[in-house]
């Protein structure tokens, strides 16, 4: 909250629009963590590229990604709500990607949706699991395990 002439002004709540990516920069090192009727919530203070400050209520998977990547005040990331379909049921999910983290040169074929990075990480993790478990597997088996990880992580 900020004050102007003694009047308290709340930052607007970030509402993600379908297929509209938004780049955010964290304003604080840690979120405010609280509980309500829906369970635990994670409230982040962030600003967009235009300097507009927002209150962003991250769901648990996004919060976990922010924590895993040790993002702090000044760190930037991109959020995008994308459509999903499970059978006949339509829904949406939020995709997360970090700005400036070991990015490869952008090729014209790159879509920027973060799926390539997610799949690459899942392949690395699947290979690590097979190596740790000392299991000999074919490339097809490795790919099946990586896709399983990707599906679970993208829920």
N, C-alpha and C. Protein backbone atom coordinates (compact mmCIF):
# COMPACT_ATOMS: atom_id res chain seq x y z
N UNK A 1 0.83 -1.18 0.00
CA UNK A 1 0.00 0.00 0.00
C UNK A 1 0.87 1.24 0.00
N UNK A 2 0.42 2.24 -0.69
CA UNK A 2 1.12 3.51 -0.67
C UNK A 2 0.13 4.59 -0.27
N UNK A 3 0.68 5.71 0.16
CA UNK A 3 -0.21 6.80 0.57
C UNK A 3 0.07 8.04 -0.25
N UNK A 4 -0.97 8.77 -0.55
CA UNK A 4 -0.88 10.03 -1.24
C UNK A 4 -1.77 11.01 -0.50
N UNK A 5 -1.18 12.07 0.05
CA UNK A 5 -1.93 13.08 0.80
C UNK A 5 -2.79 12.44 1.89
N UNK A 6 -2.25 11.41 2.57
CA UNK A 6 -2.99 10.78 3.65
C UNK A 6 -4.01 9.76 3.19
N UNK A 7 -4.18 9.56 1.88
CA UNK A 7 -5.14 8.60 1.35
C UNK A 7 -4.41 7.31 1.00
N UNK A 8 -4.91 6.19 1.45
CA UNK A 8 -4.28 4.91 1.17
C UNK A 8 -4.74 4.40 -0.19
N UNK A 9 -3.77 3.95 -1.00
CA UNK A 9 -4.07 3.43 -2.34
C UNK A 9 -3.57 1.99 -2.41
N UNK A 10 -4.45 1.05 -2.72
CA UNK A 10 -4.05 -0.34 -2.89
C UNK A 10 -3.57 -0.55 -4.31
N UNK A 11 -2.56 -1.41 -4.45
CA UNK A 11 -2.10 -1.77 -5.79
C UNK A 11 -3.18 -2.64 -6.41
N UNK A 12 -3.41 -2.49 -7.72
CA UNK A 12 -4.42 -3.34 -8.36
C UNK A 12 -3.96 -4.80 -8.36
N UNK A 13 -4.94 -5.69 -8.25
CA UNK A 13 -4.67 -7.13 -8.31
C UNK A 13 -4.38 -7.49 -9.76
N UNK A 14 -3.32 -8.25 -9.98
CA UNK A 14 -2.96 -8.67 -11.33
C UNK A 14 -3.95 -9.71 -11.83
N UNK A 15 -4.58 -9.42 -12.95
CA UNK A 15 -5.49 -10.36 -13.60
C UNK A 15 -4.85 -10.75 -14.93
N UNK A 16 -4.50 -12.02 -15.08
CA UNK A 16 -3.87 -12.48 -16.31
C UNK A 16 -4.91 -12.75 -17.38
N UNK A 17 -4.71 -12.14 -18.53
CA UNK A 17 -5.60 -12.35 -19.67
C UNK A 17 -5.08 -13.49 -20.52
N UNK A 18 -6.00 -14.22 -21.14
CA UNK A 18 -5.64 -15.37 -21.95
C UNK A 18 -4.70 -14.95 -23.09
N UNK A 19 -3.60 -15.68 -23.22
CA UNK A 19 -2.60 -15.49 -24.29
C UNK A 19 -2.00 -14.08 -24.33
N UNK A 20 -1.96 -13.39 -23.21
CA UNK A 20 -1.33 -12.07 -23.12
C UNK A 20 -0.20 -12.16 -22.09
N UNK A 21 1.04 -12.42 -22.55
CA UNK A 21 2.13 -12.53 -21.58
C UNK A 21 2.40 -11.18 -20.92
N UNK A 22 2.83 -11.24 -19.66
CA UNK A 22 3.19 -10.03 -18.94
C UNK A 22 4.52 -10.27 -18.23
N UNK A 23 5.43 -9.34 -18.41
CA UNK A 23 6.73 -9.41 -17.74
C UNK A 23 6.62 -8.65 -16.43
N UNK A 24 6.99 -9.33 -15.34
CA UNK A 24 6.92 -8.72 -14.02
C UNK A 24 8.30 -8.71 -13.38
N UNK A 25 8.54 -7.69 -12.55
CA UNK A 25 9.75 -7.60 -11.76
C UNK A 25 9.34 -7.54 -10.30
N UNK A 26 9.92 -8.43 -9.49
CA UNK A 26 9.58 -8.46 -8.07
C UNK A 26 10.07 -7.19 -7.37
N UNK A 27 9.25 -6.69 -6.46
CA UNK A 27 9.59 -5.50 -5.70
C UNK A 27 10.10 -5.84 -4.30
N UNK A 28 9.83 -7.06 -3.85
CA UNK A 28 10.27 -7.50 -2.52
C UNK A 28 10.88 -8.89 -2.65
N UNK A 29 11.75 -9.23 -1.69
CA UNK A 29 12.40 -10.54 -1.71
C UNK A 29 11.45 -11.69 -1.44
N UNK A 30 10.46 -11.47 -0.59
CA UNK A 30 9.56 -12.54 -0.18
C UNK A 30 8.11 -12.10 -0.30
N UNK A 31 7.22 -13.08 -0.54
CA UNK A 31 5.80 -12.74 -0.60
C UNK A 31 5.21 -12.68 0.81
N UNK A 32 4.04 -12.08 0.91
CA UNK A 32 3.26 -12.18 2.13
C UNK A 32 2.52 -13.51 2.03
N UNK A 33 2.68 -14.37 3.03
CA UNK A 33 2.02 -15.67 3.02
C UNK A 33 0.91 -15.63 4.06
N UNK A 34 -0.28 -16.02 3.64
CA UNK A 34 -1.42 -16.03 4.54
C UNK A 34 -2.35 -17.18 4.24
N UNK A 35 -3.43 -17.24 4.98
CA UNK A 35 -4.45 -18.28 4.79
C UNK A 35 -5.81 -17.63 4.70
N UNK A 36 -6.66 -18.21 3.87
CA UNK A 36 -8.06 -17.80 3.80
C UNK A 36 -8.91 -19.05 3.60
N UNK A 37 -10.16 -18.87 3.22
CA UNK A 37 -11.07 -20.01 3.04
C UNK A 37 -10.60 -20.98 1.96
N UNK A 38 -9.75 -20.50 1.04
CA UNK A 38 -9.28 -21.35 -0.06
C UNK A 38 -7.94 -22.01 0.26
N UNK A 39 -7.39 -21.73 1.44
CA UNK A 39 -6.11 -22.31 1.83
C UNK A 39 -5.02 -21.25 1.86
N UNK A 40 -3.77 -21.70 1.76
CA UNK A 40 -2.63 -20.80 1.83
C UNK A 40 -2.52 -19.99 0.54
N UNK A 41 -2.12 -18.71 0.68
CA UNK A 41 -1.90 -17.88 -0.50
C UNK A 41 -0.57 -17.17 -0.40
N UNK A 42 -0.06 -16.74 -1.56
CA UNK A 42 1.25 -16.10 -1.67
C UNK A 42 1.05 -14.78 -2.42
N UNK A 43 1.19 -13.67 -1.70
CA UNK A 43 0.96 -12.35 -2.28
C UNK A 43 2.30 -11.69 -2.57
N UNK A 44 2.58 -11.49 -3.87
CA UNK A 44 3.81 -10.86 -4.31
C UNK A 44 3.54 -9.42 -4.74
N UNK A 45 4.51 -8.54 -4.50
CA UNK A 45 4.48 -7.18 -5.02
C UNK A 45 5.39 -7.17 -6.24
N UNK A 46 4.84 -6.71 -7.36
CA UNK A 46 5.61 -6.71 -8.60
C UNK A 46 5.18 -5.52 -9.46
N UNK A 47 6.03 -5.20 -10.44
CA UNK A 47 5.67 -4.15 -11.40
C UNK A 47 5.88 -4.68 -12.80
N UNK A 48 5.10 -4.13 -13.74
CA UNK A 48 5.22 -4.54 -15.13
C UNK A 48 6.26 -3.66 -15.84
N UNK A 49 6.40 -3.86 -17.14
CA UNK A 49 7.40 -3.11 -17.91
C UNK A 49 7.11 -1.61 -17.97
N UNK A 50 5.86 -1.22 -17.73
CA UNK A 50 5.48 0.18 -17.74
C UNK A 50 5.61 0.83 -16.37
N UNK A 51 6.05 0.04 -15.38
CA UNK A 51 6.21 0.57 -14.03
C UNK A 51 4.96 0.52 -13.19
N UNK A 52 3.88 -0.09 -13.71
CA UNK A 52 2.64 -0.22 -12.95
C UNK A 52 2.83 -1.31 -11.90
N UNK A 53 2.57 -0.97 -10.63
CA UNK A 53 2.73 -1.93 -9.55
C UNK A 53 1.45 -2.74 -9.36
N UNK A 54 1.64 -4.04 -9.10
CA UNK A 54 0.51 -4.95 -8.93
C UNK A 54 0.69 -5.80 -7.67
N UNK A 55 -0.43 -6.27 -7.16
CA UNK A 55 -0.46 -7.33 -6.17
C UNK A 55 -0.74 -8.60 -6.94
N UNK A 56 0.18 -9.57 -6.85
CA UNK A 56 0.01 -10.81 -7.59
C UNK A 56 -0.14 -11.98 -6.62
N UNK A 57 -1.30 -12.62 -6.67
CA UNK A 57 -1.57 -13.79 -5.85
C UNK A 57 -1.12 -15.02 -6.64
N UNK A 58 0.04 -15.54 -6.32
CA UNK A 58 0.59 -16.70 -7.02
C UNK A 58 -0.03 -17.97 -6.46
N UNK A 59 -0.33 -18.92 -7.35
CA UNK A 59 -0.77 -20.22 -6.86
C UNK A 59 0.46 -21.00 -6.40
N UNK A 60 0.25 -22.11 -5.75
CA UNK A 60 1.36 -22.87 -5.16
C UNK A 60 2.43 -23.28 -6.17
N UNK A 61 2.06 -23.77 -7.38
CA UNK A 61 3.11 -24.15 -8.33
C UNK A 61 3.98 -22.97 -8.78
N UNK A 62 3.37 -21.81 -9.01
CA UNK A 62 4.15 -20.64 -9.43
C UNK A 62 5.01 -20.17 -8.27
N UNK A 63 4.45 -20.14 -7.06
CA UNK A 63 5.24 -19.77 -5.88
C UNK A 63 6.44 -20.69 -5.75
N UNK A 64 6.21 -22.00 -5.94
CA UNK A 64 7.29 -22.98 -5.83
C UNK A 64 8.39 -22.70 -6.85
N UNK A 65 8.02 -22.35 -8.08
CA UNK A 65 9.01 -22.04 -9.12
C UNK A 65 9.81 -20.79 -8.74
N UNK A 66 9.14 -19.78 -8.23
CA UNK A 66 9.83 -18.56 -7.80
C UNK A 66 10.84 -18.89 -6.71
N UNK A 67 10.44 -19.74 -5.76
CA UNK A 67 11.33 -20.14 -4.68
C UNK A 67 12.49 -21.00 -5.19
N UNK A 68 12.20 -21.96 -6.06
CA UNK A 68 13.24 -22.85 -6.58
C UNK A 68 14.32 -22.09 -7.33
N UNK A 69 13.92 -21.03 -8.04
CA UNK A 69 14.87 -20.24 -8.81
C UNK A 69 15.47 -19.10 -8.00
N UNK A 70 15.12 -19.04 -6.70
CA UNK A 70 15.67 -18.05 -5.77
C UNK A 70 15.51 -16.62 -6.30
N UNK A 71 14.32 -16.32 -6.82
CA UNK A 71 14.07 -14.97 -7.32
C UNK A 71 13.90 -14.01 -6.14
N UNK A 72 14.47 -12.84 -6.27
CA UNK A 72 14.43 -11.81 -5.23
C UNK A 72 13.97 -10.50 -5.85
N UNK A 73 13.91 -9.45 -5.03
CA UNK A 73 13.55 -8.13 -5.53
C UNK A 73 14.47 -7.79 -6.70
N UNK A 74 13.90 -7.33 -7.79
CA UNK A 74 14.67 -7.00 -8.99
C UNK A 74 14.69 -8.11 -10.02
N UNK A 75 14.33 -9.34 -9.63
CA UNK A 75 14.27 -10.47 -10.57
C UNK A 75 13.03 -10.34 -11.44
N UNK A 76 13.17 -10.72 -12.70
CA UNK A 76 12.04 -10.62 -13.63
C UNK A 76 11.64 -12.00 -14.15
N UNK A 77 10.35 -12.11 -14.45
CA UNK A 77 9.81 -13.34 -15.01
C UNK A 77 8.59 -12.97 -15.85
N UNK A 78 8.16 -13.93 -16.66
CA UNK A 78 7.01 -13.73 -17.53
C UNK A 78 5.92 -14.73 -17.15
N UNK A 79 4.70 -14.23 -17.06
CA UNK A 79 3.53 -15.07 -16.81
C UNK A 79 2.62 -14.99 -18.02
N UNK A 80 1.99 -16.10 -18.35
CA UNK A 80 1.03 -16.11 -19.45
C UNK A 80 -0.04 -17.15 -19.16
N UNK A 81 -1.30 -16.75 -19.25
CA UNK A 81 -2.42 -17.68 -19.10
C UNK A 81 -2.69 -18.28 -20.48
N UNK A 82 -2.72 -19.61 -20.54
CA UNK A 82 -2.97 -20.29 -21.80
C UNK A 82 -4.15 -21.24 -21.64
N UNK A 83 -4.85 -21.45 -22.73
CA UNK A 83 -6.01 -22.34 -22.74
C UNK A 83 -5.55 -23.79 -22.66
N UNK A 84 -6.32 -24.60 -21.94
CA UNK A 84 -6.07 -26.04 -21.87
C UNK A 84 -7.37 -26.77 -22.14
N UNK A 85 -7.24 -28.02 -22.54
CA UNK A 85 -8.43 -28.83 -22.77
C UNK A 85 -8.18 -30.20 -22.19
N UNK A 86 -9.12 -30.66 -21.37
CA UNK A 86 -9.07 -31.99 -20.79
C UNK A 86 -10.35 -32.69 -21.22
N UNK A 87 -10.24 -33.50 -22.27
CA UNK A 87 -11.44 -34.10 -22.85
C UNK A 87 -12.27 -32.99 -23.47
N UNK A 88 -13.52 -32.86 -23.02
CA UNK A 88 -14.40 -31.80 -23.54
C UNK A 88 -14.33 -30.54 -22.70
N UNK A 89 -13.69 -30.66 -21.54
CA UNK A 89 -13.65 -29.54 -20.60
C UNK A 89 -12.52 -28.57 -20.96
N UNK A 90 -12.85 -27.30 -21.09
CA UNK A 90 -11.88 -26.25 -21.37
C UNK A 90 -11.48 -25.59 -20.05
N UNK A 91 -10.24 -25.19 -19.97
CA UNK A 91 -9.76 -24.50 -18.79
C UNK A 91 -8.58 -23.64 -19.17
N UNK A 92 -7.80 -23.25 -18.18
CA UNK A 92 -6.60 -22.48 -18.45
C UNK A 92 -5.57 -22.78 -17.38
N UNK A 93 -4.33 -22.47 -17.69
CA UNK A 93 -3.24 -22.61 -16.74
C UNK A 93 -2.29 -21.44 -16.94
N UNK A 94 -1.47 -21.20 -15.94
CA UNK A 94 -0.50 -20.11 -16.01
C UNK A 94 0.86 -20.71 -16.30
N UNK A 95 1.52 -20.18 -17.33
CA UNK A 95 2.87 -20.60 -17.65
C UNK A 95 3.84 -19.56 -17.10
N UNK A 96 5.00 -20.04 -16.67
CA UNK A 96 6.00 -19.22 -15.99
C UNK A 96 7.33 -19.39 -16.69
N UNK A 97 8.03 -18.30 -16.98
CA UNK A 97 9.39 -18.39 -17.50
C UNK A 97 10.20 -17.24 -16.90
N UNK A 98 11.47 -17.51 -16.69
CA UNK A 98 12.36 -16.52 -16.07
C UNK A 98 13.04 -15.72 -17.16
N UNK A 99 13.15 -14.43 -16.94
CA UNK A 99 13.80 -13.54 -17.88
C UNK A 99 15.30 -13.55 -17.59
N UNK A 100 16.10 -13.78 -18.65
CA UNK A 100 17.54 -13.66 -18.52
C UNK A 100 18.25 -14.85 -17.91
N UNK A 101 17.59 -15.98 -17.74
CA UNK A 101 18.25 -17.15 -17.18
C UNK A 101 18.77 -18.04 -18.29
N UNK A 102 20.05 -17.95 -18.55
CA UNK A 102 20.74 -18.80 -19.52
C UNK A 102 19.94 -18.96 -20.81
N UNK A 103 19.52 -17.84 -21.36
CA UNK A 103 18.73 -17.91 -22.59
C UNK A 103 19.62 -18.20 -23.78
N UNK A 104 19.13 -19.03 -24.66
CA UNK A 104 19.84 -19.31 -25.89
C UNK A 104 19.43 -18.25 -26.91
N UNK A 105 20.26 -18.03 -27.93
CA UNK A 105 19.86 -17.07 -28.95
C UNK A 105 18.51 -17.46 -29.54
N UNK A 106 17.66 -16.48 -29.71
CA UNK A 106 16.31 -16.74 -30.20
C UNK A 106 16.35 -17.06 -31.68
N UNK A 107 15.73 -18.17 -32.03
CA UNK A 107 15.64 -18.54 -33.44
C UNK A 107 14.26 -18.16 -33.94
N UNK A 108 14.11 -17.99 -35.25
CA UNK A 108 12.80 -17.62 -35.78
C UNK A 108 11.73 -18.65 -35.45
N UNK A 109 12.11 -19.91 -35.23
CA UNK A 109 11.13 -20.95 -34.93
C UNK A 109 10.72 -20.95 -33.46
N UNK A 110 11.44 -20.21 -32.63
CA UNK A 110 11.14 -20.19 -31.20
C UNK A 110 9.83 -19.46 -30.94
N UNK A 111 8.93 -20.10 -30.19
CA UNK A 111 7.62 -19.49 -29.95
C UNK A 111 7.59 -18.66 -28.68
N UNK A 112 8.57 -18.83 -27.78
CA UNK A 112 8.61 -18.03 -26.56
C UNK A 112 7.54 -18.40 -25.54
N UNK A 113 6.95 -19.58 -25.67
CA UNK A 113 5.89 -19.97 -24.73
C UNK A 113 6.42 -20.72 -23.51
N UNK A 114 7.74 -20.96 -23.47
CA UNK A 114 8.34 -21.62 -22.33
C UNK A 114 8.25 -23.14 -22.37
N UNK A 115 7.57 -23.70 -23.34
CA UNK A 115 7.39 -25.14 -23.39
C UNK A 115 8.69 -25.87 -23.74
N UNK A 116 9.51 -25.25 -24.60
CA UNK A 116 10.78 -25.87 -24.97
C UNK A 116 11.65 -26.03 -23.73
N UNK A 117 11.75 -24.97 -22.94
CA UNK A 117 12.57 -25.02 -21.73
C UNK A 117 12.03 -26.06 -20.74
N UNK A 118 10.70 -26.11 -20.61
CA UNK A 118 10.09 -27.09 -19.72
C UNK A 118 10.39 -28.51 -20.19
N UNK A 119 10.25 -28.77 -21.48
CA UNK A 119 10.52 -30.10 -22.01
C UNK A 119 11.99 -30.48 -21.83
N UNK A 120 12.90 -29.53 -22.10
CA UNK A 120 14.32 -29.81 -21.91
C UNK A 120 14.63 -30.16 -20.46
N UNK A 121 14.05 -29.42 -19.53
CA UNK A 121 14.28 -29.72 -18.11
C UNK A 121 13.71 -31.09 -17.75
N UNK A 122 12.55 -31.43 -18.30
CA UNK A 122 11.94 -32.74 -18.03
C UNK A 122 12.80 -33.87 -18.59
N UNK A 123 13.40 -33.66 -19.77
CA UNK A 123 14.29 -34.69 -20.34
C UNK A 123 15.52 -34.86 -19.45
N UNK A 124 16.09 -33.73 -19.00
CA UNK A 124 17.25 -33.82 -18.10
C UNK A 124 16.89 -34.55 -16.81
N UNK A 125 15.73 -34.21 -16.25
CA UNK A 125 15.29 -34.85 -15.01
C UNK A 125 15.02 -36.33 -15.21
N UNK A 126 14.40 -36.69 -16.33
CA UNK A 126 14.12 -38.10 -16.61
C UNK A 126 15.43 -38.88 -16.74
N UNK A 127 16.41 -38.31 -17.43
CA UNK A 127 17.71 -38.97 -17.57
C UNK A 127 18.37 -39.14 -16.20
N UNK A 128 18.24 -38.13 -15.37
CA UNK A 128 18.82 -38.19 -14.02
C UNK A 128 18.15 -39.29 -13.19
N UNK A 129 16.83 -39.40 -13.29
CA UNK A 129 16.10 -40.43 -12.55
C UNK A 129 16.56 -41.82 -12.99
N UNK A 130 16.66 -42.03 -14.30
CA UNK A 130 17.08 -43.34 -14.80
C UNK A 130 18.51 -43.67 -14.36
N UNK A 131 19.39 -42.65 -14.39
CA UNK A 131 20.78 -42.87 -13.98
C UNK A 131 20.85 -43.20 -12.49
N UNK A 132 20.13 -42.41 -11.67
CA UNK A 132 20.13 -42.64 -10.23
C UNK A 132 19.57 -44.01 -9.87
N UNK A 133 18.54 -44.43 -10.59
CA UNK A 133 17.92 -45.73 -10.32
C UNK A 133 18.70 -46.87 -10.98
N UNK A 134 19.76 -46.51 -11.71
CA UNK A 134 20.59 -47.48 -12.42
C UNK A 134 19.75 -48.38 -13.33
N UNK A 135 18.88 -47.71 -14.10
CA UNK A 135 18.00 -48.43 -15.03
C UNK A 135 18.49 -48.16 -16.46
N UNK A 136 18.66 -49.23 -17.21
CA UNK A 136 18.98 -49.09 -18.63
C UNK A 136 17.66 -48.90 -19.37
N UNK A 137 17.58 -47.84 -20.17
CA UNK A 137 16.33 -47.57 -20.88
C UNK A 137 16.65 -47.08 -22.28
N UNK A 138 15.70 -47.31 -23.18
CA UNK A 138 15.84 -46.83 -24.55
C UNK A 138 15.50 -45.35 -24.61
N UNK A 139 15.81 -44.74 -25.72
CA UNK A 139 15.45 -43.33 -25.92
C UNK A 139 13.93 -43.15 -25.85
N UNK A 140 13.19 -44.14 -26.35
CA UNK A 140 11.73 -44.07 -26.29
C UNK A 140 11.24 -44.07 -24.84
N UNK A 141 11.86 -44.91 -24.01
CA UNK A 141 11.49 -44.96 -22.59
C UNK A 141 11.82 -43.63 -21.90
N UNK A 142 12.98 -43.08 -22.24
CA UNK A 142 13.38 -41.79 -21.68
C UNK A 142 12.37 -40.71 -22.08
N UNK A 143 11.98 -40.71 -23.34
CA UNK A 143 11.02 -39.73 -23.83
C UNK A 143 9.67 -39.88 -23.15
N UNK A 144 9.22 -41.10 -22.95
CA UNK A 144 7.94 -41.33 -22.27
C UNK A 144 7.98 -40.80 -20.84
N UNK A 145 9.08 -41.05 -20.14
CA UNK A 145 9.23 -40.54 -18.78
C UNK A 145 9.27 -39.01 -18.77
N UNK A 146 10.00 -38.41 -19.71
CA UNK A 146 10.08 -36.94 -19.79
C UNK A 146 8.70 -36.34 -20.07
N UNK A 147 7.95 -36.94 -20.95
CA UNK A 147 6.60 -36.41 -21.28
C UNK A 147 5.69 -36.55 -20.08
N UNK A 148 5.80 -37.66 -19.35
CA UNK A 148 5.01 -37.82 -18.13
C UNK A 148 5.32 -36.70 -17.13
N UNK A 149 6.62 -36.43 -16.94
CA UNK A 149 7.01 -35.33 -16.04
C UNK A 149 6.44 -34.00 -16.53
N UNK A 150 6.53 -33.77 -17.83
CA UNK A 150 6.04 -32.50 -18.39
C UNK A 150 4.54 -32.34 -18.16
N UNK A 151 3.79 -33.40 -18.39
CA UNK A 151 2.34 -33.34 -18.19
C UNK A 151 2.03 -33.03 -16.73
N UNK A 152 2.70 -33.70 -15.82
CA UNK A 152 2.44 -33.47 -14.40
C UNK A 152 2.82 -32.06 -13.98
N UNK A 153 3.93 -31.54 -14.49
CA UNK A 153 4.37 -30.21 -14.12
C UNK A 153 3.53 -29.11 -14.73
N UNK A 154 2.87 -29.40 -15.81
CA UNK A 154 2.10 -28.35 -16.48
C UNK A 154 0.65 -28.29 -16.01
N UNK A 155 0.27 -29.13 -15.05
CA UNK A 155 -1.10 -29.12 -14.53
C UNK A 155 -1.31 -27.93 -13.63
